Amino acid sequence: MHMAKHALFVCKSCNFSATQRDYMGERGGNYLLKQLLKLSENWWLKSDFVIEELDCLSGCKRPCAVAFTAANKTSLMFGDLPPLESATAILQLCEQYYTSIDGIVPRNQRPEILQKGILARIPPPPQS
């Protein structure tokens, strides 16, 4: 079964935390992005789920921020993700999002670090 391309957007400008901008000379978002890219090198969804960096997701008060999107699915945006320990859980949620019918992954089924911190659920555009 071939599914439409899915995307994970990662804000590369997010601060490391609410009180710390950089970690070892890098913004938290950029550090998280590097972790995700490294972890996904041999990922089974590598060709179907693109990981893209964005300059800003406007979740500045809730770093780090990421968003999941695909055609005909609800888009999800999360904040409050600690860059040092979130990458594995984010890829797990990518897999759950990929296999979901409509993009909705129930809170109690998401990895623990992603059970809170949801910033937005945006429905797909109406089909004509």
Protein backbone atom coordinates (compact mmCIF):
# COMPACT_ATOMS: atom_id res chain seq x y z
CA MET A 1 0.00 0.00 0.00
CA HIS A 2 1.54 3.32 -1.08
CA MET A 3 0.82 6.29 1.13
CA ALA A 4 1.24 9.96 0.35
CA LYS A 5 4.44 11.61 1.48
CA HIS A 6 4.50 12.54 5.15
CA ALA A 7 6.60 15.32 6.68
CA LEU A 8 8.06 16.18 10.05
CA PHE A 9 8.91 19.86 10.35
CA VAL A 10 11.52 20.77 12.95
CA CYS A 11 12.10 24.34 14.06
CA LYS A 12 15.86 24.84 13.95
CA SER A 13 15.71 28.19 15.77
CA CYS A 14 14.08 27.01 19.00
CA ASN A 15 15.92 27.80 22.17
CA PHE A 16 17.42 24.90 24.08
CA SER A 17 14.91 25.52 26.89
CA ALA A 18 12.74 28.28 28.32
CA THR A 19 15.76 29.59 30.24
CA GLN A 20 18.70 28.64 27.98
CA ARG A 21 19.14 29.67 24.35
CA ASP A 22 22.07 27.51 23.28
CA TYR A 23 23.54 24.14 24.20
CA MET A 24 27.22 23.67 23.37
CA GLY A 25 27.03 26.64 21.00
CA GLU A 26 23.89 25.43 19.20
CA ARG A 27 20.23 26.32 19.34
CA GLY A 28 18.12 23.54 20.84
CA GLY A 29 16.09 23.15 17.67
CA ASN A 30 19.18 22.66 15.54
CA TYR A 31 20.52 20.10 18.00
CA LEU A 32 17.18 18.23 17.90
CA LEU A 33 17.17 18.33 14.10
CA LYS A 34 20.68 16.79 13.96
CA GLN A 35 19.63 14.06 16.41
CA LEU A 36 16.56 13.23 14.30
CA LEU A 37 18.54 13.12 11.05
CA LYS A 38 21.17 10.87 12.62
CA LEU A 39 18.59 8.50 14.14
CA SER A 40 16.64 8.30 10.88
CA GLU A 41 19.60 7.29 8.67
CA ASN A 42 18.48 3.63 8.61
CA TRP A 43 14.82 4.24 9.47
CA TRP A 44 12.25 2.07 7.70
CA LEU A 45 10.20 5.19 6.85
CA LYS A 46 13.13 7.22 5.51
CA SER A 47 11.76 7.39 1.94
CA ASP A 48 8.13 8.05 2.98
CA PHE A 49 8.54 10.51 5.86
CA VAL A 50 10.71 13.53 5.13
CA ILE A 51 12.33 15.45 7.96
CA GLU A 52 12.55 19.12 7.07
CA GLU A 53 14.03 22.03 8.94
CA LEU A 54 12.14 25.30 9.24
CA ASP A 55 13.44 28.64 10.41
CA CYS A 56 10.49 29.06 12.79
CA LEU A 57 7.25 27.32 13.76
CA SER A 58 6.17 30.23 16.03
CA GLY A 59 6.26 28.07 19.15
CA CYS A 60 8.96 30.31 20.62
CA LYS A 61 7.62 30.30 24.18
CA ARG A 62 7.39 26.47 24.15
CA PRO A 63 10.71 25.13 22.76
CA CYS A 64 11.44 22.84 21.06
CA ALA A 65 8.67 22.68 18.45
CA VAL A 66 7.90 20.13 15.73
CA ALA A 67 4.94 19.51 13.41
CA PHE A 68 3.62 16.41 11.64
CA THR A 69 1.70 16.72 8.37
CA ALA A 70 0.44 14.72 5.39
CA ALA A 71 -2.23 15.06 2.71
CA ASN A 72 -5.74 14.28 3.97
CA LYS A 73 -4.61 14.05 7.60
CA THR A 74 -4.91 16.33 10.58
CA SER A 75 -1.61 18.15 11.15
CA LEU A 76 -0.18 18.04 14.67
CA MET A 77 2.18 20.55 16.29
CA PHE A 78 4.00 19.96 19.57
CA GLY A 79 6.17 22.11 21.82
CA ASP A 80 7.97 21.68 25.16
CA LEU A 81 10.25 19.00 23.70
CA PRO A 82 13.64 18.74 25.41
CA PRO A 83 16.19 18.44 22.56
CA LEU A 84 18.45 15.94 24.32
CA GLU A 85 15.81 13.30 24.98
CA SER A 86 12.98 13.72 22.46
CA ALA A 87 14.30 12.43 19.13
CA THR A 88 13.49 8.73 19.61
CA ALA A 89 9.96 9.51 20.82
CA ILE A 90 9.40 11.90 17.90
CA LEU A 91 10.32 9.18 15.39
CA GLN A 92 7.98 6.78 17.23
CA LEU A 93 5.16 9.28 16.84
CA CYS A 94 6.09 9.67 13.15
CA GLU A 95 5.46 5.94 12.77
CA GLN A 96 2.13 6.16 14.61
CA TYR A 97 1.11 9.19 12.56
CA TYR A 98 2.11 7.41 9.34
CA THR A 99 -0.04 4.37 10.09
CA SER A 100 -3.01 6.39 11.37
CA ILE A 101 -5.96 6.87 9.03
CA ASP A 102 -6.60 10.53 9.80
CA GLY A 103 -3.48 11.77 11.62
CA ILE A 104 -5.05 11.51 15.06
CA VAL A 105 -2.95 9.50 17.51
CA PRO A 106 -4.74 9.22 20.88
CA ARG A 107 -2.88 10.91 23.70
CA ASN A 108 -2.51 7.74 25.79
CA GLN A 109 -0.96 5.91 22.80
CA ARG A 110 1.69 8.56 22.07
CA PRO A 111 5.19 8.27 23.57
CA GLU A 112 5.17 9.74 27.07
CA ILE A 113 7.15 12.87 26.20
CA LEU A 114 4.52 13.68 23.52
CA GLN A 115 1.42 13.07 25.66
CA LYS A 116 1.42 16.74 26.56
CA GLY A 117 2.76 19.82 24.84
CA ILE A 118 0.39 19.66 21.88
CA LEU A 119 0.12 23.18 20.48
CA ALA A 120 -2.24 22.61 17.53
CA ARG A 121 -4.40 20.11 15.70
CA ILE A 122 -5.17 21.50 12.24
CA PRO A 123 -7.67 19.60 10.09
CA PRO A 124 -6.83 18.96 6.45
CA PRO A 125 -8.37 21.28 3.85
CA PRO A 126 -11.80 20.21 2.63
CA GLN A 127 -11.75 17.95 -0.40
CA SER A 128 -13.53 19.45 -3.38
